[in-house]
N, C-alpha and C. Protein backbone atom coordinates (compact mmCIF):
# COMPACT_ATOMS: atom_id res chain seq x y z
N ASP A 1 8.68 -4.66 -5.64
CA ASP A 1 9.84 -5.18 -6.34
C ASP A 1 10.08 -4.47 -7.67
N ASP A 2 9.13 -3.65 -8.11
CA ASP A 2 9.25 -2.90 -9.36
C ASP A 2 9.85 -1.54 -9.04
N HIS A 3 11.17 -1.45 -9.16
CA HIS A 3 11.88 -0.23 -8.75
C HIS A 3 11.43 0.99 -9.54
N GLU A 4 11.18 0.82 -10.83
CA GLU A 4 10.76 1.96 -11.66
C GLU A 4 9.40 2.49 -11.24
N SER A 5 8.43 1.60 -11.06
CA SER A 5 7.10 2.04 -10.62
C SER A 5 7.15 2.68 -9.24
N ALA A 6 7.94 2.09 -8.35
CA ALA A 6 8.08 2.65 -7.00
C ALA A 6 8.64 4.07 -7.05
N ALA A 7 9.63 4.29 -7.91
CA ALA A 7 10.22 5.63 -8.03
C ALA A 7 9.22 6.64 -8.59
N VAL A 8 8.41 6.23 -9.56
CA VAL A 8 7.42 7.12 -10.16
C VAL A 8 6.36 7.50 -9.13
N VAL A 9 5.85 6.52 -8.40
CA VAL A 9 4.83 6.79 -7.38
C VAL A 9 5.42 7.65 -6.26
N LYS A 10 6.64 7.34 -5.85
CA LYS A 10 7.31 8.13 -4.79
C LYS A 10 7.42 9.59 -5.20
N GLU A 11 7.90 9.82 -6.42
CA GLU A 11 8.05 11.20 -6.91
C GLU A 11 6.72 11.93 -6.94
N ALA A 12 5.69 11.26 -7.44
CA ALA A 12 4.37 11.89 -7.55
C ALA A 12 3.81 12.23 -6.17
N LEU A 13 4.01 11.36 -5.20
CA LEU A 13 3.52 11.63 -3.85
C LEU A 13 4.33 12.74 -3.17
N GLU A 14 5.62 12.76 -3.40
CA GLU A 14 6.45 13.81 -2.80
C GLU A 14 6.11 15.19 -3.34
N VAL A 15 5.69 15.26 -4.60
CA VAL A 15 5.24 16.53 -5.18
C VAL A 15 4.03 17.06 -4.41
N LYS A 16 3.22 16.14 -3.88
CA LYS A 16 2.03 16.51 -3.10
C LYS A 16 2.35 16.62 -1.61
N ASP A 17 3.62 16.74 -1.27
CA ASP A 17 4.11 16.96 0.09
C ASP A 17 3.97 15.75 1.02
N PHE A 18 3.91 14.55 0.45
CA PHE A 18 3.97 13.34 1.28
C PHE A 18 5.42 12.97 1.49
N THR A 19 5.74 12.43 2.64
CA THR A 19 7.04 11.84 2.90
C THR A 19 6.90 10.36 2.58
N VAL A 20 7.79 9.85 1.74
CA VAL A 20 7.65 8.49 1.22
C VAL A 20 8.90 7.66 1.52
N ALA A 21 8.68 6.46 2.01
CA ALA A 21 9.75 5.47 2.17
C ALA A 21 9.39 4.28 1.29
N ILE A 22 10.39 3.66 0.70
CA ILE A 22 10.15 2.52 -0.19
C ILE A 22 10.76 1.26 0.43
N ALA A 23 10.01 0.18 0.35
CA ALA A 23 10.51 -1.15 0.72
C ALA A 23 10.27 -2.04 -0.50
N TYR A 24 11.22 -2.90 -0.80
CA TYR A 24 11.12 -3.71 -2.02
C TYR A 24 10.65 -5.14 -1.78
N ASN A 25 10.29 -5.46 -0.54
CA ASN A 25 9.64 -6.73 -0.27
C ASN A 25 8.83 -6.59 1.01
N GLY A 26 7.93 -7.53 1.23
CA GLY A 26 7.02 -7.43 2.37
C GLY A 26 7.71 -7.49 3.72
N LYS A 27 8.74 -8.32 3.83
CA LYS A 27 9.45 -8.43 5.10
C LYS A 27 10.14 -7.11 5.45
N GLN A 28 10.79 -6.52 4.47
CA GLN A 28 11.45 -5.23 4.67
C GLN A 28 10.42 -4.16 5.06
N ALA A 29 9.27 -4.19 4.41
CA ALA A 29 8.22 -3.21 4.70
C ALA A 29 7.70 -3.37 6.13
N LEU A 30 7.47 -4.60 6.57
CA LEU A 30 6.99 -4.81 7.94
C LEU A 30 8.00 -4.32 8.97
N GLN A 31 9.28 -4.53 8.71
CA GLN A 31 10.31 -4.04 9.62
C GLN A 31 10.28 -2.52 9.69
N ALA A 32 10.12 -1.87 8.54
CA ALA A 32 10.06 -0.41 8.51
C ALA A 32 8.83 0.11 9.23
N VAL A 33 7.70 -0.56 9.05
CA VAL A 33 6.45 -0.15 9.70
C VAL A 33 6.57 -0.25 11.22
N LYS A 34 7.26 -1.25 11.70
CA LYS A 34 7.44 -1.41 13.15
C LYS A 34 8.29 -0.29 13.74
N GLN A 35 9.19 0.28 12.93
CA GLN A 35 10.04 1.36 13.42
C GLN A 35 9.33 2.71 13.37
N GLN A 36 8.49 2.90 12.36
CA GLN A 36 7.73 4.14 12.25
C GLN A 36 6.41 3.84 11.56
N ILE A 37 5.31 4.02 12.27
CA ILE A 37 3.98 3.74 11.74
C ILE A 37 3.64 4.77 10.66
N PRO A 38 3.37 4.32 9.43
CA PRO A 38 3.02 5.26 8.37
C PRO A 38 1.54 5.64 8.43
N ARG A 39 1.20 6.73 7.78
CA ARG A 39 -0.20 7.14 7.71
C ARG A 39 -0.95 6.34 6.65
N LEU A 40 -0.21 5.74 5.70
CA LEU A 40 -0.82 4.97 4.63
C LEU A 40 0.25 4.12 3.98
N ILE A 41 -0.16 2.96 3.45
CA ILE A 41 0.75 2.09 2.71
C ILE A 41 0.19 1.88 1.31
N VAL A 42 1.03 2.09 0.30
CA VAL A 42 0.72 1.69 -1.07
C VAL A 42 1.43 0.36 -1.25
N LEU A 43 0.65 -0.69 -1.50
CA LEU A 43 1.18 -2.05 -1.45
C LEU A 43 1.02 -2.78 -2.78
N ASP A 44 2.09 -3.41 -3.22
CA ASP A 44 2.03 -4.32 -4.37
C ASP A 44 1.78 -5.71 -3.81
N LEU A 45 1.05 -6.52 -4.52
CA LEU A 45 0.76 -7.87 -4.05
C LEU A 45 1.83 -8.88 -4.45
N MET A 46 2.55 -8.60 -5.53
CA MET A 46 3.58 -9.53 -6.00
C MET A 46 4.96 -9.00 -5.63
N MET A 47 5.46 -9.47 -4.50
CA MET A 47 6.78 -9.06 -4.02
C MET A 47 7.56 -10.31 -3.63
N PRO A 48 8.88 -10.22 -3.70
CA PRO A 48 9.69 -11.34 -3.25
C PRO A 48 9.72 -11.41 -1.72
N VAL A 49 10.22 -12.49 -1.19
CA VAL A 49 10.41 -12.75 0.23
C VAL A 49 9.06 -12.94 0.95
N MET A 50 8.19 -11.94 0.90
CA MET A 50 6.85 -12.02 1.49
C MET A 50 5.91 -11.25 0.57
N ASP A 51 4.87 -11.91 0.06
CA ASP A 51 3.98 -11.21 -0.86
C ASP A 51 3.05 -10.26 -0.11
N GLY A 52 2.32 -9.46 -0.89
CA GLY A 52 1.44 -8.46 -0.31
C GLY A 52 0.29 -9.03 0.49
N PHE A 53 -0.21 -10.21 0.11
CA PHE A 53 -1.29 -10.84 0.87
C PHE A 53 -0.82 -11.18 2.28
N GLU A 54 0.37 -11.77 2.38
CA GLU A 54 0.90 -12.15 3.69
C GLU A 54 1.23 -10.90 4.51
N MET A 55 1.81 -9.91 3.86
CA MET A 55 2.13 -8.67 4.58
C MET A 55 0.86 -8.03 5.13
N LEU A 56 -0.19 -7.97 4.30
CA LEU A 56 -1.45 -7.38 4.73
C LEU A 56 -2.04 -8.15 5.91
N ALA A 57 -1.97 -9.48 5.85
CA ALA A 57 -2.48 -10.31 6.95
C ALA A 57 -1.73 -10.01 8.23
N GLN A 58 -0.42 -9.85 8.15
CA GLN A 58 0.37 -9.55 9.34
C GLN A 58 0.07 -8.15 9.87
N LEU A 59 -0.09 -7.20 8.96
CA LEU A 59 -0.47 -5.83 9.38
C LEU A 59 -1.78 -5.85 10.15
N ARG A 60 -2.77 -6.53 9.60
CA ARG A 60 -4.10 -6.54 10.20
C ARG A 60 -4.16 -7.35 11.49
N SER A 61 -3.17 -8.19 11.75
CA SER A 61 -3.17 -9.01 12.96
C SER A 61 -2.54 -8.32 14.17
N GLU A 62 -1.89 -7.19 13.95
CA GLU A 62 -1.21 -6.47 15.03
C GLU A 62 -2.02 -5.25 15.46
N PRO A 63 -2.24 -5.06 16.76
CA PRO A 63 -3.02 -3.90 17.23
C PRO A 63 -2.45 -2.56 16.78
N THR A 64 -1.13 -2.44 16.70
CA THR A 64 -0.53 -1.15 16.35
C THR A 64 -0.59 -0.85 14.85
N THR A 65 -0.82 -1.86 14.01
CA THR A 65 -0.81 -1.64 12.57
C THR A 65 -2.13 -2.01 11.88
N LYS A 66 -3.09 -2.52 12.64
CA LYS A 66 -4.32 -3.04 12.03
C LYS A 66 -5.16 -1.97 11.33
N ASP A 67 -5.02 -0.71 11.73
CA ASP A 67 -5.86 0.34 11.15
C ASP A 67 -5.15 1.22 10.13
N ILE A 68 -3.91 0.87 9.75
CA ILE A 68 -3.21 1.66 8.74
C ILE A 68 -3.94 1.51 7.40
N PRO A 69 -4.33 2.61 6.77
CA PRO A 69 -4.96 2.50 5.46
C PRO A 69 -4.00 1.89 4.44
N VAL A 70 -4.51 1.00 3.59
CA VAL A 70 -3.70 0.35 2.57
C VAL A 70 -4.39 0.52 1.22
N VAL A 71 -3.61 0.99 0.25
CA VAL A 71 -4.05 1.10 -1.13
C VAL A 71 -3.20 0.11 -1.93
N ILE A 72 -3.86 -0.78 -2.65
CA ILE A 72 -3.15 -1.79 -3.44
C ILE A 72 -2.93 -1.26 -4.85
N LEU A 73 -1.69 -1.39 -5.34
CA LEU A 73 -1.33 -1.07 -6.71
C LEU A 73 -0.57 -2.28 -7.23
N THR A 74 -1.18 -3.04 -8.12
CA THR A 74 -0.58 -4.30 -8.53
C THR A 74 -0.81 -4.59 -10.01
N ALA A 75 0.09 -5.39 -10.57
CA ALA A 75 -0.07 -5.88 -11.94
C ALA A 75 -0.76 -7.24 -11.95
N LYS A 76 -0.97 -7.81 -10.78
CA LYS A 76 -1.56 -9.15 -10.66
C LYS A 76 -3.03 -9.12 -11.05
N ASP A 77 -3.42 -10.08 -11.90
CA ASP A 77 -4.83 -10.28 -12.20
C ASP A 77 -5.43 -11.09 -11.06
N LEU A 78 -6.31 -10.48 -10.32
CA LEU A 78 -6.86 -11.15 -9.13
C LEU A 78 -8.07 -12.00 -9.48
N ASN A 79 -8.11 -13.19 -8.91
CA ASN A 79 -9.30 -14.02 -9.07
C ASN A 79 -10.30 -13.64 -7.98
N GLN A 80 -11.46 -14.23 -8.02
CA GLN A 80 -12.52 -13.87 -7.08
C GLN A 80 -12.12 -14.16 -5.62
N ARG A 81 -11.43 -15.26 -5.39
CA ARG A 81 -10.99 -15.63 -4.05
C ARG A 81 -10.01 -14.60 -3.50
N GLU A 82 -9.08 -14.15 -4.35
CA GLU A 82 -8.10 -13.15 -3.92
C GLU A 82 -8.78 -11.80 -3.63
N ARG A 83 -9.72 -11.42 -4.47
CA ARG A 83 -10.47 -10.18 -4.22
C ARG A 83 -11.24 -10.25 -2.91
N ALA A 84 -11.84 -11.41 -2.66
CA ALA A 84 -12.59 -11.61 -1.42
C ALA A 84 -11.66 -11.52 -0.21
N ALA A 85 -10.44 -12.01 -0.35
CA ALA A 85 -9.48 -11.97 0.75
C ALA A 85 -9.10 -10.53 1.10
N LEU A 86 -9.20 -9.63 0.14
CA LEU A 86 -8.85 -8.22 0.37
C LEU A 86 -10.04 -7.40 0.86
N ASP A 87 -11.24 -7.91 0.67
CA ASP A 87 -12.46 -7.18 0.99
C ASP A 87 -12.48 -6.74 2.46
N GLY A 88 -12.68 -5.45 2.66
CA GLY A 88 -12.76 -4.90 4.00
C GLY A 88 -11.41 -4.63 4.65
N LYS A 89 -10.32 -4.97 3.97
CA LYS A 89 -8.99 -4.81 4.55
C LYS A 89 -8.19 -3.69 3.89
N ILE A 90 -8.70 -3.18 2.76
CA ILE A 90 -7.98 -2.14 2.03
C ILE A 90 -8.92 -1.00 1.69
N GLN A 91 -8.33 0.16 1.36
CA GLN A 91 -9.11 1.33 1.00
C GLN A 91 -9.41 1.35 -0.49
N ALA A 92 -8.47 0.84 -1.31
CA ALA A 92 -8.67 0.86 -2.76
C ALA A 92 -7.77 -0.18 -3.41
N LEU A 93 -8.18 -0.60 -4.61
CA LEU A 93 -7.41 -1.57 -5.40
C LEU A 93 -7.26 -1.01 -6.80
N PHE A 94 -6.01 -0.88 -7.25
CA PHE A 94 -5.72 -0.38 -8.59
C PHE A 94 -4.84 -1.36 -9.33
N GLN A 95 -5.12 -1.54 -10.63
CA GLN A 95 -4.30 -2.37 -11.49
C GLN A 95 -3.26 -1.47 -12.17
N LYS A 96 -1.99 -1.87 -12.10
CA LYS A 96 -0.95 -1.12 -12.81
C LYS A 96 -1.30 -1.11 -14.29
N GLY A 97 -1.13 0.04 -14.91
CA GLY A 97 -1.42 0.17 -16.33
C GLY A 97 -2.88 0.49 -16.62
N GLN A 98 -3.74 0.38 -15.60
CA GLN A 98 -5.16 0.67 -15.81
C GLN A 98 -5.62 1.85 -14.96
N VAL A 99 -4.71 2.47 -14.27
CA VAL A 99 -5.05 3.61 -13.42
C VAL A 99 -4.07 4.74 -13.74
N SER A 100 -4.59 5.95 -13.75
CA SER A 100 -3.70 7.10 -13.96
C SER A 100 -3.01 7.44 -12.65
N LEU A 101 -1.86 8.00 -12.76
CA LEU A 101 -1.13 8.42 -11.56
C LEU A 101 -1.94 9.45 -10.78
N ASP A 102 -2.65 10.33 -11.48
CA ASP A 102 -3.49 11.33 -10.80
C ASP A 102 -4.59 10.66 -9.98
N GLN A 103 -5.21 9.63 -10.55
CA GLN A 103 -6.27 8.92 -9.82
C GLN A 103 -5.71 8.25 -8.57
N LEU A 104 -4.54 7.63 -8.71
CA LEU A 104 -3.90 6.99 -7.55
C LEU A 104 -3.59 8.02 -6.47
N ILE A 105 -3.01 9.14 -6.87
CA ILE A 105 -2.65 10.19 -5.90
C ILE A 105 -3.90 10.74 -5.23
N ASN A 106 -4.97 10.97 -5.98
CA ASN A 106 -6.22 11.46 -5.39
C ASN A 106 -6.76 10.49 -4.37
N ASP A 107 -6.69 9.19 -4.66
CA ASP A 107 -7.20 8.20 -3.73
C ASP A 107 -6.34 8.13 -2.47
N VAL A 108 -5.04 8.25 -2.64
CA VAL A 108 -4.13 8.28 -1.48
C VAL A 108 -4.46 9.48 -0.60
N GLN A 109 -4.63 10.64 -1.22
CA GLN A 109 -4.98 11.84 -0.46
C GLN A 109 -6.29 11.66 0.29
N SER A 110 -7.28 11.09 -0.37
CA SER A 110 -8.58 10.85 0.28
C SER A 110 -8.46 9.89 1.45
N ALA A 111 -7.70 8.82 1.26
CA ALA A 111 -7.54 7.83 2.33
C ALA A 111 -6.83 8.44 3.54
N VAL A 112 -5.82 9.26 3.30
CA VAL A 112 -5.11 9.91 4.41
C VAL A 112 -6.03 10.89 5.12
N THR A 113 -6.86 11.60 4.37
CA THR A 113 -7.80 12.54 4.97
C THR A 113 -8.83 11.82 5.84
N ARG A 114 -9.30 10.66 5.37
CA ARG A 114 -10.29 9.87 6.14
C ARG A 114 -9.67 9.22 7.37
N HIS A 115 -8.35 9.03 7.37
CA HIS A 115 -7.65 8.36 8.48
C HIS A 115 -6.53 9.26 8.97
N PRO A 116 -6.84 10.29 9.74
CA PRO A 116 -5.81 11.21 10.22
C PRO A 116 -4.74 10.48 11.03
N ALA A 117 -3.58 11.11 11.13
CA ALA A 117 -2.46 10.53 11.88
C ALA A 117 -2.90 10.14 13.28
N GLY A 118 -2.43 9.01 13.73
CA GLY A 118 -2.73 8.57 15.08
C GLY A 118 -4.05 7.83 15.20
N VAL A 119 -4.75 7.63 14.09
CA VAL A 119 -6.02 6.94 14.12
C VAL A 119 -5.87 5.56 13.51
């Protein structure tokens, strides 16, 4: 839902030759994923319509999307229960404002390398 942050991350990933699509809520993102399976999702947890926790749960419940690597980038301060809910379901968790764009891009590149297309 943060259009400015989405644009900055999109630009940075495109510089590294990634093709990027943006969805501004979880429902929109799930619809896009069903049309074309991405190699990786950068997910915010605080989105309108459907939050990132619900979107992640739906992704992991479907055979065709359960193995898509997910990197969380959020401004939300997570409590222990929320962190536990993400455990084992994501590749990385970053707090907005506490991670450099270079670190985020490096982690995205690593996650894509560990999970080649079609896996």
